[in-house]
Amino acid sequence: MSEVPTQHSEMAALGTARRAVWIAYATLLALLVISGIWHYIQQHAQVAALLVRILPLVLFLPTVLMQRRRGHIWLTALGVLYVVQGLMIVSKGGGSVLVFAEILAAGALAIMAYRYARLRGRLDRRVS
């Protein structure tokens, strides 16, 4: 017999997904900052490069804070773009531990933002 998920279990799953989005978001942001500072110290990049890499992620902070479903859908796309960016860096021979960690964090952000948006959509449809 298949069990229909209760609203309580879906709320718990939504809370778990929200925490996972926060963890992946903070991890990716920290890795981007650390990587940018590292490249600046090594004189491979300017401060502007750091700002360009973190700015899209920082612009999504209100979405994460206000728990907007549509914003989490866009955050999924942004996570995928960060994964692609990391893969391009690796393909050009720039693979380092930081780049691989960024790819993993961006992938986790994309997956968990998608999960949050999907669970939130189910709950919103059930309420209305």
Protein backbone atom coordinates (compact mmCIF):
# COMPACT_ATOMS: atom_id res chain seq x y z
CA MET A 1 0.00 0.00 0.00
CA SER A 2 1.46 3.40 -0.94
CA GLU A 3 1.52 6.02 1.71
CA VAL A 4 0.35 9.52 0.89
CA PRO A 5 2.77 12.02 2.43
CA THR A 6 1.19 14.10 5.15
CA GLN A 7 1.49 17.83 5.29
CA HIS A 8 3.56 17.48 8.47
CA SER A 9 6.14 15.24 6.76
CA GLU A 10 6.28 17.59 3.77
CA MET A 11 6.84 20.55 6.09
CA ALA A 12 9.70 18.64 7.74
CA ALA A 13 11.19 17.85 4.30
CA LEU A 14 10.82 21.51 3.32
CA GLY A 15 12.70 22.57 6.47
CA THR A 16 15.46 20.08 5.70
CA ALA A 17 15.72 21.33 2.12
CA ARG A 18 15.84 24.94 3.35
CA ARG A 19 18.72 24.14 5.71
CA ALA A 20 20.53 22.31 2.92
CA VAL A 21 20.12 25.32 0.61
CA TRP A 22 21.63 27.55 3.30
CA ILE A 23 24.56 25.19 3.85
CA ALA A 24 25.29 24.87 0.11
CA TYR A 25 24.83 28.64 -0.42
CA ALA A 26 27.18 29.57 2.42
CA THR A 27 29.73 26.94 1.40
CA LEU A 28 29.79 28.07 -2.22
CA LEU A 29 30.04 31.73 -1.23
CA ALA A 30 32.90 30.98 1.19
CA LEU A 31 34.74 28.92 -1.43
CA LEU A 32 34.35 31.66 -4.04
CA VAL A 33 35.72 34.26 -1.61
CA ILE A 34 38.63 32.04 -0.53
CA SER A 35 39.43 31.20 -4.16
CA GLY A 36 39.26 34.87 -5.16
CA ILE A 37 41.54 35.94 -2.32
CA TRP A 38 43.95 33.11 -3.17
CA HIS A 39 44.12 34.19 -6.82
CA TYR A 40 44.55 37.83 -5.78
CA ILE A 41 47.44 36.94 -3.45
CA GLN A 42 49.05 34.85 -6.22
CA GLN A 43 48.53 37.86 -8.54
CA HIS A 44 46.50 35.80 -11.01
CA ALA A 45 43.44 38.02 -10.73
CA GLN A 46 42.24 41.45 -9.60
CA VAL A 47 39.71 42.22 -6.88
CA ALA A 48 37.15 42.91 -9.61
CA ALA A 49 37.33 39.25 -10.64
CA LEU A 50 36.36 38.24 -7.10
CA LEU A 51 33.42 40.63 -7.14
CA VAL A 52 32.24 39.40 -10.54
CA ARG A 53 32.29 35.78 -9.33
CA ILE A 54 30.40 36.38 -6.06
CA LEU A 55 27.98 39.11 -7.14
CA PRO A 56 25.37 36.81 -8.79
CA LEU A 57 25.27 34.65 -5.68
CA VAL A 58 25.01 37.64 -3.34
CA LEU A 59 22.11 39.04 -5.39
CA PHE A 60 20.12 35.90 -4.52
CA LEU A 61 20.47 36.43 -0.77
CA PRO A 62 17.01 38.11 -0.47
CA THR A 63 15.47 35.11 -2.28
CA VAL A 64 16.97 32.71 0.23
CA LEU A 65 16.05 34.91 3.19
CA MET A 66 12.45 35.43 2.06
CA GLN A 67 11.97 31.80 0.95
CA ARG A 68 10.67 32.70 -2.51
CA ARG A 69 9.86 29.67 -4.62
CA ARG A 70 10.46 31.38 -7.96
CA GLY A 71 13.78 32.71 -6.72
CA HIS A 72 14.85 29.21 -5.75
CA ILE A 73 14.08 28.07 -9.30
CA TRP A 74 16.45 30.76 -10.58
CA LEU A 75 18.96 29.82 -7.88
CA THR A 76 18.89 26.29 -9.33
CA ALA A 77 19.90 27.71 -12.72
CA LEU A 78 22.63 29.80 -11.10
CA GLY A 79 24.02 26.72 -9.35
CA VAL A 80 24.17 24.93 -12.70
CA LEU A 81 26.03 27.92 -14.20
CA TYR A 82 28.59 27.77 -11.39
CA VAL A 83 29.04 24.03 -12.05
CA VAL A 84 29.61 24.73 -15.76
CA GLN A 85 32.06 27.53 -14.90
CA GLY A 86 34.02 25.15 -12.67
CA LEU A 87 34.06 22.47 -15.35
CA MET A 88 35.36 25.00 -17.87
CA ILE A 89 38.15 25.99 -15.48
CA VAL A 90 39.05 22.31 -15.06
CA SER A 91 38.97 21.74 -18.84
CA LYS A 92 41.47 24.59 -19.31
CA GLY A 93 43.89 22.91 -16.90
CA GLY A 94 43.02 25.03 -13.88
CA GLY A 95 41.77 22.20 -11.72
CA SER A 96 42.58 22.59 -8.06
CA VAL A 97 41.04 21.37 -4.83
CA LEU A 98 39.16 24.67 -4.51
CA VAL A 99 37.68 24.38 -8.00
CA PHE A 100 36.49 20.82 -7.38
CA ALA A 101 35.00 21.91 -4.04
CA GLU A 102 33.23 24.80 -5.80
CA ILE A 103 31.78 22.37 -8.37
CA LEU A 104 30.47 20.12 -5.60
CA ALA A 105 29.02 23.04 -3.61
CA ALA A 106 27.38 24.53 -6.72
CA GLY A 107 25.91 21.14 -7.63
CA ALA A 108 24.56 20.76 -4.10
CA LEU A 109 23.07 24.26 -4.28
CA ALA A 110 21.37 23.53 -7.60
CA ILE A 111 19.94 20.23 -6.38
CA MET A 112 18.74 21.51 -3.03
CA ALA A 113 17.28 24.75 -4.43
CA TYR A 114 15.35 22.64 -6.94
CA ARG A 115 14.18 20.33 -4.16
CA TYR A 116 13.06 23.30 -2.06
CA ALA A 117 11.17 24.86 -4.99
CA ARG A 118 9.46 21.57 -5.77
CA LEU A 119 8.41 20.87 -2.17
CA ARG A 120 7.27 24.46 -1.73
CA GLY A 121 5.17 24.19 -4.89
CA ARG A 122 3.45 21.05 -3.61
CA LEU A 123 2.60 22.70 -0.32
CA ASP A 124 1.40 25.89 -2.01
CA ARG A 125 -0.91 23.90 -4.32
CA ARG A 126 -2.30 21.95 -1.40
CA VAL A 127 -3.09 25.14 0.56
CA SER A 128 -4.81 26.94 -2.31
